[in-house]
Amino acid sequence: MTSIANTIEFIAARRAGLSDCELAEAIYGKRKQQLVNGECRYLERASGLERRPRADGIIGNYLLSYN
């Protein structure tokens, strides 16, 4: 797993439902949505993250719990 993926998981565990754009701003301080989007899709395929629409219609990222 890449370090950006680790950072996304760390943030998603504490602030569930952030969009790719919001995650990019939290990580880089500016919009680098494409970089974050690719990592979020990687995490989704690896079953570590769920991507689903929030109440406002924007796709949010939610860390899956490992029970």
PDB file of N, CA and C in Angstrom:
ATOM      1  N   MET A   1       0.844  -1.169   0.000  1.00  0.00           N
ATOM      2  CA  MET A   1       0.000   0.000   0.000  1.00  0.00           C
ATOM      3  C   MET A   1       0.895   1.240   0.000  1.00  0.00           C
ATOM      4  N   THR A   2       0.493   2.228  -0.736  1.00  0.00           N
ATOM      5  CA  THR A   2       1.284   3.448  -0.831  1.00  0.00           C
ATOM      6  C   THR A   2       1.072   4.336   0.392  1.00  0.00           C
ATOM      7  N   SER A   3       1.968   5.259   0.597  1.00  0.00           N
ATOM      8  CA  SER A   3       1.835   6.154   1.740  1.00  0.00           C
ATOM      9  C   SER A   3       0.614   7.063   1.610  1.00  0.00           C
ATOM     10  N   ILE A   4       0.254   7.444   0.378  1.00  0.00           N
ATOM     11  CA  ILE A   4      -0.956   8.260   0.197  1.00  0.00           C
ATOM     12  C   ILE A   4      -2.192   7.462   0.598  1.00  0.00           C
ATOM     13  N   ALA A   5      -2.199   6.166   0.296  1.00  0.00           N
ATOM     14  CA  ALA A   5      -3.322   5.311   0.700  1.00  0.00           C
ATOM     15  C   ALA A   5      -3.401   5.235   2.220  1.00  0.00           C
ATOM     16  N   ASN A   6      -2.263   5.128   2.874  1.00  0.00           N
ATOM     17  CA  ASN A   6      -2.242   5.120   4.339  1.00  0.00           C
ATOM     18  C   ASN A   6      -2.796   6.424   4.904  1.00  0.00           C
ATOM     19  N   THR A   7      -2.423   7.519   4.288  1.00  0.00           N
ATOM     20  CA  THR A   7      -2.900   8.829   4.735  1.00  0.00           C
ATOM     21  C   THR A   7      -4.403   8.940   4.539  1.00  0.00           C
ATOM     22  N   ILE A   8      -4.916   8.459   3.405  1.00  0.00           N
ATOM     23  CA  ILE A   8      -6.360   8.491   3.141  1.00  0.00           C
ATOM     24  C   ILE A   8      -7.103   7.665   4.183  1.00  0.00           C
ATOM     25  N   GLU A   9      -6.600   6.481   4.483  1.00  0.00           N
ATOM     26  CA  GLU A   9      -7.244   5.643   5.495  1.00  0.00           C
ATOM     27  C   GLU A   9      -7.229   6.332   6.862  1.00  0.00           C
ATOM     28  N   PHE A  10      -6.127   6.958   7.205  1.00  0.00           N
ATOM     29  CA  PHE A  10      -6.009   7.669   8.482  1.00  0.00           C
ATOM     30  C   PHE A  10      -7.057   8.776   8.578  1.00  0.00           C
ATOM     31  N   ILE A  11      -7.182   9.570   7.525  1.00  0.00           N
ATOM     32  CA  ILE A  11      -8.142  10.677   7.526  1.00  0.00           C
ATOM     33  C   ILE A  11      -9.572  10.156   7.497  1.00  0.00           C
ATOM     34  N   ALA A  12      -9.845   9.142   6.656  1.00  0.00           N
ATOM     35  CA  ALA A  12     -11.204   8.599   6.541  1.00  0.00           C
ATOM     36  C   ALA A  12     -11.670   7.965   7.843  1.00  0.00           C
ATOM     37  N   ALA A  13     -10.760   7.427   8.630  1.00  0.00           N
ATOM     38  CA  ALA A  13     -11.127   6.842   9.920  1.00  0.00           C
ATOM     39  C   ALA A  13     -11.591   7.917  10.895  1.00  0.00           C
ATOM     40  N   ARG A  14     -11.117   9.124  10.730  1.00  0.00           N
ATOM     41  CA  ARG A  14     -11.443  10.203  11.645  1.00  0.00           C
ATOM     42  C   ARG A  14     -12.505  11.162  11.117  1.00  0.00           C
ATOM     43  N   ARG A  15     -12.609  11.245   9.786  1.00  0.00           N
ATOM     44  CA  ARG A  15     -13.566  12.170   9.162  1.00  0.00           C
ATOM     45  C   ARG A  15     -14.264  11.455   8.008  1.00  0.00           C
ATOM     46  N   ALA A  16     -15.150  10.540   8.350  1.00  0.00           N
ATOM     47  CA  ALA A  16     -15.841   9.719   7.355  1.00  0.00           C
ATOM     48  C   ALA A  16     -16.671  10.564   6.399  1.00  0.00           C
ATOM     49  N   GLY A  17     -16.677  10.149   5.142  1.00  0.00           N
ATOM     50  CA  GLY A  17     -17.534  10.769   4.141  1.00  0.00           C
ATOM     51  C   GLY A  17     -16.928  11.913   3.364  1.00  0.00           C
ATOM     52  N   LEU A  18     -15.652  12.183   3.553  1.00  0.00           N
ATOM     53  CA  LEU A  18     -15.026  13.254   2.778  1.00  0.00           C
ATOM     54  C   LEU A  18     -14.956  12.862   1.306  1.00  0.00           C
ATOM     55  N   SER A  19     -15.152  13.826   0.432  1.00  0.00           N
ATOM     56  CA  SER A  19     -15.030  13.587  -1.004  1.00  0.00           C
ATOM     57  C   SER A  19     -13.549  13.534  -1.383  1.00  0.00           C
ATOM     58  N   ASP A  20     -13.279  13.105  -2.609  1.00  0.00           N
ATOM     59  CA  ASP A  20     -11.898  13.078  -3.100  1.00  0.00           C
ATOM     60  C   ASP A  20     -11.281  14.478  -3.040  1.00  0.00           C
ATOM     61  N   CYS A  21     -12.058  15.469  -3.410  1.00  0.00           N
ATOM     62  CA  CYS A  21     -11.582  16.850  -3.412  1.00  0.00           C
ATOM     63  C   CYS A  21     -11.255  17.322  -1.990  1.00  0.00           C
ATOM     64  N   GLU A  22     -12.121  16.989  -1.051  1.00  0.00           N
ATOM     65  CA  GLU A  22     -11.891  17.372   0.340  1.00  0.00           C
ATOM     66  C   GLU A  22     -10.675  16.640   0.917  1.00  0.00           C
ATOM     67  N   LEU A  23     -10.499  15.375   0.549  1.00  0.00           N
ATOM     68  CA  LEU A  23      -9.318  14.629   0.974  1.00  0.00           C
ATOM     69  C   LEU A  23      -8.048  15.255   0.395  1.00  0.00           C
ATOM     70  N   ALA A  24      -8.099  15.633  -0.881  1.00  0.00           N
ATOM     71  CA  ALA A  24      -6.937  16.249  -1.527  1.00  0.00           C
ATOM     72  C   ALA A  24      -6.546  17.542  -0.816  1.00  0.00           C
ATOM     73  N   GLU A  25      -7.536  18.336  -0.447  1.00  0.00           N
ATOM     74  CA  GLU A  25      -7.245  19.581   0.259  1.00  0.00           C
ATOM     75  C   GLU A  25      -6.668  19.305   1.647  1.00  0.00           C
ATOM     76  N   ALA A  26      -7.153  18.252   2.316  1.00  0.00           N
ATOM     77  CA  ALA A  26      -6.638  17.899   3.644  1.00  0.00           C
ATOM     78  C   ALA A  26      -5.195  17.398   3.568  1.00  0.00           C
ATOM     79  N   ILE A  27      -4.859  16.699   2.491  1.00  0.00           N
ATOM     80  CA  ILE A  27      -3.523  16.114   2.348  1.00  0.00           C
ATOM     81  C   ILE A  27      -2.526  17.114   1.778  1.00  0.00           C
ATOM     82  N   TYR A  28      -2.900  17.757   0.683  1.00  0.00           N
ATOM     83  CA  TYR A  28      -1.973  18.611  -0.057  1.00  0.00           C
ATOM     84  C   TYR A  28      -2.154  20.105   0.193  1.00  0.00           C
ATOM     85  N   GLY A  29      -3.289  20.494   0.785  1.00  0.00           N
ATOM     86  CA  GLY A  29      -3.564  21.910   0.986  1.00  0.00           C
ATOM     87  C   GLY A  29      -4.075  22.588  -0.269  1.00  0.00           C
ATOM     88  N   LYS A  30      -4.270  21.830  -1.311  1.00  0.00           N
ATOM     89  CA  LYS A  30      -4.842  22.348  -2.550  1.00  0.00           C
ATOM     90  C   LYS A  30      -5.507  21.202  -3.285  1.00  0.00           C
ATOM     91  N   ARG A  31      -6.175  21.538  -4.344  1.00  0.00           N
ATOM     92  CA  ARG A  31      -6.942  20.534  -5.079  1.00  0.00           C
ATOM     93  C   ARG A  31      -6.039  19.701  -5.989  1.00  0.00           C
ATOM     94  N   LYS A  32      -5.871  18.459  -5.633  1.00  0.00           N
ATOM     95  CA  LYS A  32      -5.190  17.476  -6.472  1.00  0.00           C
ATOM     96  C   LYS A  32      -6.077  16.238  -6.490  1.00  0.00           C
ATOM     97  N   GLN A  33      -7.309  16.465  -6.904  1.00  0.00           N
ATOM     98  CA  GLN A  33      -8.346  15.449  -6.828  1.00  0.00           C
ATOM     99  C   GLN A  33      -7.999  14.185  -7.603  1.00  0.00           C
ATOM    100  N   GLN A  34      -7.372  14.306  -8.749  1.00  0.00           N
ATOM    101  CA  GLN A  34      -7.073  13.126  -9.564  1.00  0.00           C
ATOM    102  C   GLN A  34      -6.128  12.171  -8.855  1.00  0.00           C
ATOM    103  N   LEU A  35      -5.135  12.695  -8.151  1.00  0.00           N
ATOM    104  CA  LEU A  35      -4.219  11.832  -7.412  1.00  0.00           C
ATOM    105  C   LEU A  35      -4.954  11.055  -6.331  1.00  0.00           C
ATOM    106  N   VAL A  36      -5.800  11.747  -5.597  1.00  0.00           N
ATOM    107  CA  VAL A  36      -6.540  11.120  -4.508  1.00  0.00           C
ATOM    108  C   VAL A  36      -7.594  10.161  -5.058  1.00  0.00           C
ATOM    109  N   ASN A  37      -8.238  10.528  -6.145  1.00  0.00           N
ATOM    110  CA  ASN A  37      -9.268   9.675  -6.736  1.00  0.00           C
ATOM    111  C   ASN A  37      -8.709   8.301  -7.087  1.00  0.00           C
ATOM    112  N   GLY A  38      -7.556   8.254  -7.704  1.00  0.00           N
ATOM    113  CA  GLY A  38      -6.940   6.979  -8.070  1.00  0.00           C
ATOM    114  C   GLY A  38      -6.642   6.124  -6.851  1.00  0.00           C
ATOM    115  N   GLU A  39      -6.150   6.744  -5.794  1.00  0.00           N
ATOM    116  CA  GLU A  39      -5.851   6.000  -4.569  1.00  0.00           C
ATOM    117  C   GLU A  39      -7.122   5.516  -3.883  1.00  0.00           C
ATOM    118  N   CYS A  40      -8.169   6.335  -3.889  1.00  0.00           N
ATOM    119  CA  CYS A  40      -9.439   5.915  -3.292  1.00  0.00           C
ATOM    120  C   CYS A  40     -10.038   4.743  -4.056  1.00  0.00           C
ATOM    121  N   ARG A  41      -9.934   4.768  -5.371  1.00  0.00           N
ATOM    122  CA  ARG A  41     -10.428   3.637  -6.172  1.00  0.00           C
ATOM    123  C   ARG A  41      -9.600   2.379  -5.907  1.00  0.00           C
ATOM    124  N   TYR A  42      -8.301   2.543  -5.720  1.00  0.00           N
ATOM    125  CA  TYR A  42      -7.436   1.414  -5.356  1.00  0.00           C
ATOM    126  C   TYR A  42      -7.884   0.823  -4.020  1.00  0.00           C
ATOM    127  N   LEU A  43      -8.111   1.686  -3.032  1.00  0.00           N
ATOM    128  CA  LEU A  43      -8.543   1.221  -1.715  1.00  0.00           C
ATOM    129  C   LEU A  43      -9.914   0.556  -1.778  1.00  0.00           C
ATOM    130  N   GLU A  44     -10.779   1.059  -2.653  1.00  0.00           N
ATOM    131  CA  GLU A  44     -12.102   0.446  -2.814  1.00  0.00           C
ATOM    132  C   GLU A  44     -11.963  -0.977  -3.365  1.00  0.00           C
ATOM    133  N   ARG A  45     -11.111  -1.146  -4.357  1.00  0.00           N
ATOM    134  CA  ARG A  45     -10.889  -2.490  -4.925  1.00  0.00           C
ATOM    135  C   ARG A  45     -10.241  -3.422  -3.909  1.00  0.00           C
ATOM    136  N   ALA A  46      -9.416  -2.880  -3.032  1.00  0.00           N
ATOM    137  CA  ALA A  46      -8.738  -3.675  -2.015  1.00  0.00           C
ATOM    138  C   ALA A  46      -9.647  -3.914  -0.805  1.00  0.00           C
ATOM    139  N   SER A  47     -10.898  -3.473  -0.882  1.00  0.00           N
ATOM    140  CA  SER A  47     -11.899  -3.652   0.173  1.00  0.00           C
ATOM    141  C   SER A  47     -11.550  -2.924   1.462  1.00  0.00           C
ATOM    142  N   GLY A  48     -10.849  -1.814   1.353  1.00  0.00           N
ATOM    143  CA  GLY A  48     -10.518  -1.044   2.536  1.00  0.00           C
ATOM    144  C   GLY A  48     -11.362   0.213   2.682  1.00  0.00           C
ATOM    145  N   LEU A  49     -12.061   0.567   1.596  1.00  0.00           N
ATOM    146  CA  LEU A  49     -12.793   1.823   1.568  1.00  0.00           C
ATOM    147  C   LEU A  49     -14.097   1.608   0.815  1.00  0.00           C
ATOM    148  N   GLU A  50     -15.141   2.252   1.261  1.00  0.00           N
ATOM    149  CA  GLU A  50     -16.411   2.230   0.544  1.00  0.00           C
ATOM    150  C   GLU A  50     -16.667   3.632   0.021  1.00  0.00           C
ATOM    151  N   ARG A  51     -17.036   3.713  -1.265  1.00  0.00           N
ATOM    152  CA  ARG A  51     -17.353   4.992  -1.887  1.00  0.00           C
ATOM    153  C   ARG A  51     -18.836   4.988  -2.195  1.00  0.00           C
ATOM    154  N   ARG A  52     -19.567   5.953  -1.600  1.00  0.00           N
ATOM    155  CA  ARG A  52     -21.006   6.013  -1.825  1.00  0.00           C
ATOM    156  C   ARG A  52     -21.474   7.463  -1.737  1.00  0.00           C
ATOM    157  N   PRO A  53     -22.624   7.763  -2.349  1.00  0.00           N
ATOM    158  CA  PRO A  53     -23.132   9.134  -2.315  1.00  0.00           C
ATOM    159  C   PRO A  53     -23.503   9.579  -0.903  1.00  0.00           C
ATOM    160  N   ARG A  54     -23.151  10.828  -0.592  1.00  0.00           N
ATOM    161  CA  ARG A  54     -23.564  11.452   0.660  1.00  0.00           C
ATOM    162  C   ARG A  54     -24.952  12.062   0.445  1.00  0.00           C
ATOM    163  N   ALA A  55     -25.502  12.678   1.470  1.00  0.00           N
ATOM    164  CA  ALA A  55     -26.827  13.310   1.375  1.00  0.00           C
ATOM    165  C   ALA A  55     -26.855  14.418   0.325  1.00  0.00           C
ATOM    166  N   ASP A  56     -25.693  15.087   0.099  1.00  0.00           N
ATOM    167  CA  ASP A  56     -25.640  16.170  -0.894  1.00  0.00           C
ATOM    168  C   ASP A  56     -25.365  15.677  -2.312  1.00  0.00           C
ATOM    169  N   GLY A  57     -25.270  14.339  -2.490  1.00  0.00           N
ATOM    170  CA  GLY A  57     -25.069  13.758  -3.813  1.00  0.00           C
ATOM    171  C   GLY A  57     -23.620  13.569  -4.209  1.00  0.00           C
ATOM    172  N   ILE A  58     -22.687  14.103  -3.441  1.00  0.00           N
ATOM    173  CA  ILE A  58     -21.260  13.953  -3.732  1.00  0.00           C
ATOM    174  C   ILE A  58     -20.785  12.609  -3.188  1.00  0.00           C
ATOM    175  N   ILE A  59     -19.905  11.942  -3.940  1.00  0.00           N
ATOM    176  CA  ILE A  59     -19.378  10.653  -3.498  1.00  0.00           C
ATOM    177  C   ILE A  59     -18.469  10.870  -2.289  1.00  0.00           C
ATOM    178  N   GLY A  60     -18.774  10.161  -1.204  1.00  0.00           N
ATOM    179  CA  GLY A  60     -17.967  10.226   0.009  1.00  0.00           C
ATOM    180  C   GLY A  60     -17.167   8.947   0.177  1.00  0.00           C
ATOM    181  N   ASN A  61     -16.103   9.024   0.912  1.00  0.00           N
ATOM    182  CA  ASN A  61     -15.220   7.877   1.170  1.00  0.00           C
ATOM    183  C   ASN A  61     -15.345   7.476   2.626  1.00  0.00           C
ATOM    184  N   TYR A  62     -15.623   6.195   2.851  1.00  0.00           N
ATOM    185  CA  TYR A  62     -15.860   5.669   4.196  1.00  0.00           C
ATOM    186  C   TYR A  62     -14.956   4.464   4.413  1.00  0.00           C
ATOM    187  N   LEU A  63     -14.190   4.498   5.478  1.00  0.00           N
ATOM    188  CA  LEU A  63     -13.312   3.386   5.828  1.00  0.00           C
ATOM    189  C   LEU A  63     -14.160   2.227   6.322  1.00  0.00           C
ATOM    190  N   LEU A  64     -13.906   1.033   5.787  1.00  0.00           N
ATOM    191  CA  LEU A  64     -14.619  -0.155   6.243  1.00  0.00           C
ATOM    192  C   LEU A  64     -13.980  -0.648   7.527  1.00  0.00           C
ATOM    193  N   SER A  65     -14.796  -1.080   8.443  1.00  0.00           N
ATOM    194  CA  SER A  65     -14.252  -1.602   9.706  1.00  0.00           C
ATOM    195  C   SER A  65     -13.857  -3.056   9.515  1.00  0.00           C
ATOM    196  N   TYR A  66     -12.819  -3.445  10.187  1.00  0.00           N
ATOM    197  CA  TYR A  66     -12.343  -4.814  10.128  1.00  0.00           C
ATOM    198  C   TYR A  66     -12.691  -5.493  11.434  1.00  0.00           C
ATOM    199  N   ASN A  67     -13.784  -6.245  11.439  1.00  0.00           N
ATOM    200  CA  ASN A  67     -14.217  -6.945  12.645  1.00  0.00           C
ATOM    201  C   ASN A  67     -13.906  -8.415  12.553  1.00  0.00           C
TER     202      ASN A  67
END
